[in-house]
Amino acid sequence: MSPITERLLSLADEGYRQFQISLMPIVDPARVIGVRTPVLRKLAKELAGTPEAQAFLRELPHTYYEENNLHAFLVEQIKDYDGCIAAIDAFLPYVDNWSTCDGWSPKVIKKHPEDLLCKIREWMSSDHPYTVRYGIGMLQRHFLDDRFCPEYLEWVARVDREEYYVRMMVAWYFATALAKQYEATLPYMRERCLPEWTHNKAIQKAVESYRVTDEHKEQLKQYKCTKGRL
């Protein structure tokens, strides 16, 4: 057992562990230690750049959920774009739950938008569901504001996967797009371009969002698919 793993085990919080287990039914409870995210982020900053951290980043696959999250937070600390992308690509095949997938975004990658877009398309075409989810998440995080282009909506709409956590990310992406780029996104709802479940989930999330106006919410409700109406 590595010194970092021993340290994580010493930081266990049983109450928080039970809470985490309840949120992640697909993760084996035996793999959850119960270390809070702020503690993991603080540890990542402390370890970043050390030989100990470099050795830990090479120790894939990890055993514990928190080891994976710490790994992600250590990758966030990498300042070199190419080195960071290489570390992301090495790690993504081992990501196995939505929480680890969604909780990190290295700052350096947003400084290289054109290169990042190429990587996002590569991630979205992966056979690994959480790599696809990560790619959609990065498109949502970095390209729905001033760098938005309508064609990105089509990229996500073309994601044809059956995995629940991929479909949910597609829905989440479109709900966020409705909040930030309503006029460009509305035709996808009006013309029902997404699979029915994803379409309805996107509308549900948008209607629940405080970032979508009441007027837009009422309009979106008209486009919800019901039995017999697609």
C-alpha atoms as a PDB file:
ATOM      1  CA  MET A   1       0.000   0.000   0.000  1.00  0.00           C
ATOM      2  CA  SER A   2       1.366   3.410  -0.987  1.00  0.00           C
ATOM      3  CA  PRO A   3       1.928   6.154   1.606  1.00  0.00           C
ATOM      4  CA  ILE A   4      -0.749   8.246  -0.114  1.00  0.00           C
ATOM      5  CA  THR A   5      -3.301   5.459   0.219  1.00  0.00           C
ATOM      6  CA  GLU A   6      -2.419   5.054   3.889  1.00  0.00           C
ATOM      7  CA  ARG A   7      -2.924   8.765   4.357  1.00  0.00           C
ATOM      8  CA  LEU A   8      -6.328   8.644   2.678  1.00  0.00           C
ATOM      9  CA  LEU A   9      -7.407   5.794   4.944  1.00  0.00           C
ATOM     10  CA  SER A  10      -6.393   7.871   7.970  1.00  0.00           C
ATOM     11  CA  LEU A  11      -8.736  10.667   6.806  1.00  0.00           C
ATOM     12  CA  ALA A  12     -11.849   8.481   6.681  1.00  0.00           C
ATOM     13  CA  ASP A  13     -15.152   9.934   7.876  1.00  0.00           C
ATOM     14  CA  GLU A  14     -17.686   7.124   8.300  1.00  0.00           C
ATOM     15  CA  GLY A  15     -20.736   9.389   8.222  1.00  0.00           C
ATOM     16  CA  TYR A  16     -19.601  10.983   4.998  1.00  0.00           C
ATOM     17  CA  ARG A  17     -18.730   7.561   3.607  1.00  0.00           C
ATOM     18  CA  GLN A  18     -22.313   6.395   4.062  1.00  0.00           C
ATOM     19  CA  PHE A  19     -23.562   9.558   2.381  1.00  0.00           C
ATOM     20  CA  GLN A  20     -21.254   9.016  -0.605  1.00  0.00           C
ATOM     21  CA  ILE A  21     -22.300   5.378  -0.936  1.00  0.00           C
ATOM     22  CA  SER A  22     -25.949   6.458  -1.148  1.00  0.00           C
ATOM     23  CA  LEU A  23     -25.142   8.785  -4.069  1.00  0.00           C
ATOM     24  CA  MET A  24     -23.185   6.220  -6.084  1.00  0.00           C
ATOM     25  CA  PRO A  25     -25.041   2.908  -6.254  1.00  0.00           C
ATOM     26  CA  ILE A  26     -22.798   1.620  -9.051  1.00  0.00           C
ATOM     27  CA  VAL A  27     -19.636   1.929  -6.925  1.00  0.00           C
ATOM     28  CA  ASP A  28     -18.749  -1.006  -4.642  1.00  0.00           C
ATOM     29  CA  PRO A  29     -19.098   0.340  -1.049  1.00  0.00           C
ATOM     30  CA  ALA A  30     -15.855  -1.465  -0.156  1.00  0.00           C
ATOM     31  CA  ARG A  31     -14.049   0.964  -2.465  1.00  0.00           C
ATOM     32  CA  VAL A  32     -15.320   4.093  -0.687  1.00  0.00           C
ATOM     33  CA  ILE A  33     -13.187   5.435   2.190  1.00  0.00           C
ATOM     34  CA  GLY A  34     -15.195   8.549   3.059  1.00  0.00           C
ATOM     35  CA  VAL A  35     -12.834  11.514   2.539  1.00  0.00           C
ATOM     36  CA  ARG A  36     -14.442  14.881   1.867  1.00  0.00           C
ATOM     37  CA  THR A  37     -13.669  16.649  -1.397  1.00  0.00           C
ATOM     38  CA  PRO A  38     -12.117  19.795   0.164  1.00  0.00           C
ATOM     39  CA  VAL A  39      -9.716  17.534   2.061  1.00  0.00           C
ATOM     40  CA  LEU A  40      -8.767  15.741  -1.166  1.00  0.00           C
ATOM     41  CA  ARG A  41      -8.218  19.028  -2.999  1.00  0.00           C
ATOM     42  CA  LYS A  42      -6.036  20.348  -0.182  1.00  0.00           C
ATOM     43  CA  LEU A  43      -3.996  17.153  -0.259  1.00  0.00           C
ATOM     44  CA  ALA A  44      -3.601  17.399  -4.042  1.00  0.00           C
ATOM     45  CA  LYS A  45      -2.199  20.930  -3.743  1.00  0.00           C
ATOM     46  CA  GLU A  46       0.182  19.774  -1.049  1.00  0.00           C
ATOM     47  CA  LEU A  47       1.429  16.815  -3.095  1.00  0.00           C
ATOM     48  CA  ALA A  48       1.492  18.400  -6.559  1.00  0.00           C
ATOM     49  CA  GLY A  49       4.829  18.067  -8.311  1.00  0.00           C
ATOM     50  CA  THR A  50       6.398  15.813  -5.680  1.00  0.00           C
ATOM     51  CA  PRO A  51       8.025  12.463  -6.535  1.00  0.00           C
ATOM     52  CA  GLU A  52       5.367  10.865  -4.330  1.00  0.00           C
ATOM     53  CA  ALA A  53       2.609  12.349  -6.480  1.00  0.00           C
ATOM     54  CA  GLN A  54       4.352  11.338  -9.714  1.00  0.00           C
ATOM     55  CA  ALA A  55       4.588   7.765  -8.494  1.00  0.00           C
ATOM     56  CA  PHE A  56       0.919   7.809  -7.476  1.00  0.00           C
ATOM     57  CA  LEU A  57      -0.146   9.040 -10.919  1.00  0.00           C
ATOM     58  CA  ARG A  58       1.567   6.005 -12.441  1.00  0.00           C
ATOM     59  CA  GLU A  59      -0.218   3.579 -10.109  1.00  0.00           C
ATOM     60  CA  LEU A  60      -3.205   2.796 -12.298  1.00  0.00           C
ATOM     61  CA  PRO A  61      -5.650   1.301 -11.709  1.00  0.00           C
ATOM     62  CA  HIS A  62      -6.318   2.483  -8.173  1.00  0.00           C
ATOM     63  CA  THR A  63      -8.389   0.561  -5.667  1.00  0.00           C
ATOM     64  CA  TYR A  64     -10.379   3.266  -3.904  1.00  0.00           C
ATOM     65  CA  TYR A  65     -12.856   5.866  -5.145  1.00  0.00           C
ATOM     66  CA  GLU A  66     -10.965   8.574  -3.271  1.00  0.00           C
ATOM     67  CA  GLU A  67      -7.699   7.519  -4.896  1.00  0.00           C
ATOM     68  CA  ASN A  68      -9.310   8.188  -8.265  1.00  0.00           C
ATOM     69  CA  ASN A  69     -10.601  11.569  -7.139  1.00  0.00           C
ATOM     70  CA  LEU A  70      -7.215  12.532  -5.733  1.00  0.00           C
ATOM     71  CA  HIS A  71      -5.660  11.413  -9.016  1.00  0.00           C
ATOM     72  CA  ALA A  72      -8.032  13.754 -10.894  1.00  0.00           C
ATOM     73  CA  PHE A  73      -7.201  16.666  -8.581  1.00  0.00           C
ATOM     74  CA  LEU A  74      -3.474  16.033  -9.063  1.00  0.00           C
ATOM     75  CA  VAL A  75      -3.977  16.156 -12.834  1.00  0.00           C
ATOM     76  CA  GLU A  76      -5.683  19.531 -12.326  1.00  0.00           C
ATOM     77  CA  GLN A  77      -2.408  20.828 -10.876  1.00  0.00           C
ATOM     78  CA  ILE A  78      -0.405  20.106 -14.047  1.00  0.00           C
ATOM     79  CA  LYS A  79       0.570  23.419 -15.683  1.00  0.00           C
ATOM     80  CA  ASP A  80       1.815  22.136 -19.061  1.00  0.00           C
ATOM     81  CA  TYR A  81      -0.975  21.601 -21.615  1.00  0.00           C
ATOM     82  CA  ASP A  82       0.522  18.603 -23.407  1.00  0.00           C
ATOM     83  CA  GLY A  83       1.503  16.950 -20.142  1.00  0.00           C
ATOM     84  CA  CYS A  84      -1.963  17.565 -18.731  1.00  0.00           C
ATOM     85  CA  ILE A  85      -3.737  16.110 -21.778  1.00  0.00           C
ATOM     86  CA  ALA A  86      -1.477  13.047 -21.648  1.00  0.00           C
ATOM     87  CA  ALA A  87      -2.357  12.583 -17.976  1.00  0.00           C
ATOM     88  CA  ILE A  88      -6.078  12.963 -18.711  1.00  0.00           C
ATOM     89  CA  ASP A  89      -5.909  10.406 -21.512  1.00  0.00           C
ATOM     90  CA  ALA A  90      -4.050   7.964 -19.272  1.00  0.00           C
ATOM     91  CA  PHE A  91      -6.624   8.338 -16.498  1.00  0.00           C
ATOM     92  CA  LEU A  92     -10.003   8.492 -18.266  1.00  0.00           C
ATOM     93  CA  PRO A  93     -10.187   4.747 -19.091  1.00  0.00           C
ATOM     94  CA  TYR A  94     -10.204   4.058 -15.332  1.00  0.00           C
ATOM     95  CA  VAL A  95     -12.991   6.503 -14.448  1.00  0.00           C
ATOM     96  CA  ASP A  96     -16.024   4.444 -13.472  1.00  0.00           C
ATOM     97  CA  ASN A  97     -18.605   6.778 -11.930  1.00  0.00           C
ATOM     98  CA  TRP A  98     -20.271  10.132 -12.547  1.00  0.00           C
ATOM     99  CA  SER A  99     -18.790  11.847  -9.499  1.00  0.00           C
ATOM    100  CA  THR A 100     -15.161  11.217 -10.411  1.00  0.00           C
ATOM    101  CA  CYS A 101     -15.963  12.055 -14.029  1.00  0.00           C
ATOM    102  CA  ASP A 102     -17.610  15.423 -13.396  1.00  0.00           C
ATOM    103  CA  GLY A 103     -15.639  16.865 -10.510  1.00  0.00           C
ATOM    104  CA  TRP A 104     -12.480  18.157 -12.181  1.00  0.00           C
ATOM    105  CA  SER A 105     -11.328  20.408 -15.012  1.00  0.00           C
ATOM    106  CA  PRO A 106      -7.662  21.423 -15.281  1.00  0.00           C
ATOM    107  CA  LYS A 107      -7.267  25.188 -15.691  1.00  0.00           C
ATOM    108  CA  VAL A 108      -4.551  24.874 -18.322  1.00  0.00           C
ATOM    109  CA  ILE A 109      -6.790  23.220 -20.905  1.00  0.00           C
ATOM    110  CA  LYS A 110      -9.117  26.196 -21.285  1.00  0.00           C
ATOM    111  CA  LYS A 111      -6.152  28.289 -22.423  1.00  0.00           C
ATOM    112  CA  HIS A 112      -5.927  26.157 -25.587  1.00  0.00           C
ATOM    113  CA  PRO A 113      -9.507  26.202 -26.940  1.00  0.00           C
ATOM    114  CA  GLU A 114      -8.796  24.978 -30.479  1.00  0.00           C
ATOM    115  CA  ASP A 115      -6.679  22.062 -29.306  1.00  0.00           C
ATOM    116  CA  LEU A 116      -9.222  21.310 -26.593  1.00  0.00           C
ATOM    117  CA  LEU A 117     -12.063  21.132 -29.113  1.00  0.00           C
ATOM    118  CA  CYS A 118     -10.140  18.471 -31.039  1.00  0.00           C
ATOM    119  CA  LYS A 119      -9.656  16.469 -27.847  1.00  0.00           C
ATOM    120  CA  ILE A 120     -13.318  16.863 -26.910  1.00  0.00           C
ATOM    121  CA  ARG A 121     -14.395  15.343 -30.218  1.00  0.00           C
ATOM    122  CA  GLU A 122     -11.939  12.500 -29.675  1.00  0.00           C
ATOM    123  CA  TRP A 123     -13.245  11.876 -26.147  1.00  0.00           C
ATOM    124  CA  MET A 124     -16.869  11.972 -27.340  1.00  0.00           C
ATOM    125  CA  SER A 125     -16.142   9.257 -29.917  1.00  0.00           C
ATOM    126  CA  SER A 126     -14.583   6.901 -27.345  1.00  0.00           C
ATOM    127  CA  ASP A 127     -15.936   3.430 -26.606  1.00  0.00           C
ATOM    128  CA  HIS A 128     -15.641   4.158 -22.880  1.00  0.00           C
ATOM    129  CA  PRO A 129     -18.838   5.762 -21.517  1.00  0.00           C
ATOM    130  CA  TYR A 130     -17.190   7.983 -18.916  1.00  0.00           C
ATOM    131  CA  THR A 131     -14.693   9.281 -21.463  1.00  0.00           C
ATOM    132  CA  VAL A 132     -17.678  10.277 -23.611  1.00  0.00           C
ATOM    133  CA  ARG A 133     -19.329  11.871 -20.584  1.00  0.00           C
ATOM    134  CA  TYR A 134     -16.137  13.782 -19.761  1.00  0.00           C
ATOM    135  CA  GLY A 135     -15.919  15.109 -23.310  1.00  0.00           C
ATOM    136  CA  ILE A 136     -19.508  16.368 -23.230  1.00  0.00           C
ATOM    137  CA  GLY A 137     -18.858  17.871 -19.800  1.00  0.00           C
ATOM    138  CA  MET A 138     -15.848  19.795 -21.097  1.00  0.00           C
ATOM    139  CA  LEU A 139     -17.873  21.088 -24.055  1.00  0.00           C
ATOM    140  CA  GLN A 140     -20.554  22.212 -21.606  1.00  0.00           C
ATOM    141  CA  ARG A 141     -18.101  23.807 -19.212  1.00  0.00           C
ATOM    142  CA  HIS A 142     -15.936  25.680 -21.716  1.00  0.00           C
ATOM    143  CA  PHE A 143     -17.976  26.242 -24.887  1.00  0.00           C
ATOM    144  CA  LEU A 144     -21.461  27.432 -23.951  1.00  0.00           C
ATOM    145  CA  ASP A 145     -20.566  31.069 -23.339  1.00  0.00           C
ATOM    146  CA  ASP A 146     -18.442  33.396 -25.481  1.00  0.00           C
ATOM    147  CA  ARG A 147     -16.835  30.466 -27.331  1.00  0.00           C
ATOM    148  CA  PHE A 148     -20.167  28.885 -28.233  1.00  0.00           C
ATOM    149  CA  CYS A 149     -20.855  27.730 -31.785  1.00  0.00           C
ATOM    150  CA  PRO A 150     -24.246  26.235 -32.791  1.00  0.00           C
ATOM    151  CA  GLU A 151     -22.588  23.214 -34.379  1.00  0.00           C
ATOM    152  CA  TYR A 152     -21.534  22.012 -30.918  1.00  0.00           C
ATOM    153  CA  LEU A 153     -25.195  21.253 -30.211  1.00  0.00           C
ATOM    154  CA  GLU A 154     -25.154  18.882 -33.169  1.00  0.00           C
ATOM    155  CA  TRP A 155     -22.027  17.160 -31.855  1.00  0.00           C
ATOM    156  CA  VAL A 156     -23.849  16.284 -28.651  1.00  0.00           C
ATOM    157  CA  ALA A 157     -27.142  15.428 -30.354  1.00  0.00           C
ATOM    158  CA  ARG A 158     -25.297  12.824 -32.434  1.00  0.00           C
ATOM    159  CA  VAL A 159     -24.001  10.956 -29.391  1.00  0.00           C
ATOM    160  CA  ASP A 160     -25.812   7.637 -29.724  1.00  0.00           C
ATOM    161  CA  ARG A 161     -25.223   5.701 -26.520  1.00  0.00           C
ATOM    162  CA  GLU A 162     -27.499   3.648 -24.292  1.00  0.00           C
ATOM    163  CA  GLU A 163     -25.590   4.057 -21.023  1.00  0.00           C
ATOM    164  CA  TYR A 164     -27.668   5.937 -18.452  1.00  0.00           C
ATOM    165  CA  TYR A 165     -24.836   8.233 -17.358  1.00  0.00           C
ATOM    166  CA  VAL A 166     -24.065   9.236 -20.949  1.00  0.00           C
ATOM    167  CA  ARG A 167     -27.726   9.933 -21.745  1.00  0.00           C
ATOM    168  CA  MET A 168     -28.000  11.958 -18.553  1.00  0.00           C
ATOM    169  CA  MET A 169     -24.987  14.067 -19.533  1.00  0.00           C
ATOM    170  CA  VAL A 170     -26.493  14.731 -22.970  1.00  0.00           C
ATOM    171  CA  ALA A 171     -29.685  15.877 -21.255  1.00  0.00           C
ATOM    172  CA  TRP A 172     -27.730  18.012 -18.804  1.00  0.00           C
ATOM    173  CA  TYR A 173     -25.777  19.583 -21.663  1.00  0.00           C
ATOM    174  CA  PHE A 174     -28.969  20.567 -23.491  1.00  0.00           C
ATOM    175  CA  ALA A 175     -30.600  21.865 -20.306  1.00  0.00           C
ATOM    176  CA  THR A 176     -27.559  24.080 -19.709  1.00  0.00           C
ATOM    177  CA  ALA A 177     -27.578  25.153 -23.359  1.00  0.00           C
ATOM    178  CA  LEU A 178     -31.226  26.173 -22.964  1.00  0.00           C
ATOM    179  CA  ALA A 179     -30.174  28.365 -20.043  1.00  0.00           C
ATOM    180  CA  LYS A 180     -27.227  29.948 -21.857  1.00  0.00           C
ATOM    181  CA  GLN A 181     -28.029  29.752 -25.584  1.00  0.00           C
ATOM    182  CA  TYR A 182     -31.802  29.471 -25.662  1.00  0.00           C
ATOM    183  CA  GLU A 183     -32.565  30.597 -29.231  1.00  0.00           C
ATOM    184  CA  ALA A 184     -29.927  28.327 -30.765  1.00  0.00           C
ATOM    185  CA  THR A 185     -30.978  25.334 -28.656  1.00  0.00           C
ATOM    186  CA  LEU A 186     -34.761  25.629 -28.821  1.00  0.00           C
ATOM    187  CA  PRO A 187     -35.087  24.044 -32.299  1.00  0.00           C
ATOM    188  CA  TYR A 188     -33.671  20.797 -30.908  1.00  0.00           C
ATOM    189  CA  MET A 189     -36.574  20.702 -28.455  1.00  0.00           C
ATOM    190  CA  ARG A 190     -39.210  21.946 -30.887  1.00  0.00           C
ATOM    191  CA  GLU A 191     -38.190  19.439 -33.558  1.00  0.00           C
ATOM    192  CA  ARG A 192     -37.568  16.663 -31.013  1.00  0.00           C
ATOM    193  CA  CYS A 193     -34.096  15.822 -32.306  1.00  0.00           C
ATOM    194  CA  LEU A 194     -33.082  13.804 -29.250  1.00  0.00           C
ATOM    195  CA  PRO A 195     -34.289  10.362 -28.121  1.00  0.00           C
ATOM    196  CA  GLU A 196     -37.525  10.709 -26.150  1.00  0.00           C
ATOM    197  CA  TRP A 197     -36.050   9.989 -22.697  1.00  0.00           C
ATOM    198  CA  THR A 198     -33.153  12.394 -23.219  1.00  0.00           C
ATOM    199  CA  HIS A 199     -35.441  15.040 -24.712  1.00  0.00           C
ATOM    200  CA  ASN A 200     -37.815  14.930 -21.747  1.00  0.00           C
ATOM    201  CA  LYS A 201     -34.994  14.880 -19.206  1.00  0.00           C
ATOM    202  CA  ALA A 202     -33.399  17.955 -20.806  1.00  0.00           C
ATOM    203  CA  ILE A 203     -36.706  19.822 -20.610  1.00  0.00           C
ATOM    204  CA  GLN A 204     -37.216  18.686 -17.010  1.00  0.00           C
ATOM    205  CA  LYS A 205     -33.773  19.940 -15.981  1.00  0.00           C
ATOM    206  CA  ALA A 206     -34.295  23.236 -17.808  1.00  0.00           C
ATOM    207  CA  VAL A 207     -37.680  23.771 -16.172  1.00  0.00           C
ATOM    208  CA  GLU A 208     -36.114  23.101 -12.771  1.00  0.00           C
ATOM    209  CA  SER A 209     -33.295  25.586 -13.427  1.00  0.00           C
ATOM    210  CA  TYR A 210     -33.346  29.092 -11.943  1.00  0.00           C
ATOM    211  CA  ARG A 211     -31.316  30.231 -14.967  1.00  0.00           C
ATOM    212  CA  VAL A 212     -34.219  29.653 -17.385  1.00  0.00           C
ATOM    213  CA  THR A 213     -36.908  32.348 -17.468  1.00  0.00           C
ATOM    214  CA  ASP A 214     -40.505  31.541 -16.559  1.00  0.00           C
ATOM    215  CA  GLU A 215     -41.559  32.416 -20.095  1.00  0.00           C
ATOM    216  CA  HIS A 216     -39.079  29.969 -21.572  1.00  0.00           C
ATOM    217  CA  LYS A 217     -40.115  27.275 -19.093  1.00  0.00           C
ATOM    218  CA  GLU A 218     -43.736  27.517 -20.188  1.00  0.00           C
ATOM    219  CA  GLN A 219     -42.681  27.301 -23.809  1.00  0.00           C
ATOM    220  CA  LEU A 220     -40.502  24.245 -23.161  1.00  0.00           C
ATOM    221  CA  LYS A 221     -43.309  22.410 -21.373  1.00  0.00           C
ATOM    222  CA  GLN A 222     -45.250  22.452 -24.655  1.00  0.00           C
ATOM    223  CA  TYR A 223     -42.529  20.394 -26.308  1.00  0.00           C
ATOM    224  CA  LYS A 224     -42.369  17.585 -23.774  1.00  0.00           C
ATOM    225  CA  CYS A 225     -42.998  14.208 -25.353  1.00  0.00           C
ATOM    226  CA  THR A 226     -45.992  12.330 -24.000  1.00  0.00           C
ATOM    227  CA  LYS A 227     -47.398   8.935 -24.917  1.00  0.00           C
ATOM    228  CA  GLY A 228     -48.711   9.058 -28.407  1.00  0.00           C
ATOM    229  CA  ARG A 229     -46.999  12.360 -29.212  1.00  0.00           C
ATOM    230  CA  LEU A 230     -43.426  12.313 -30.425  1.00  0.00           C
END
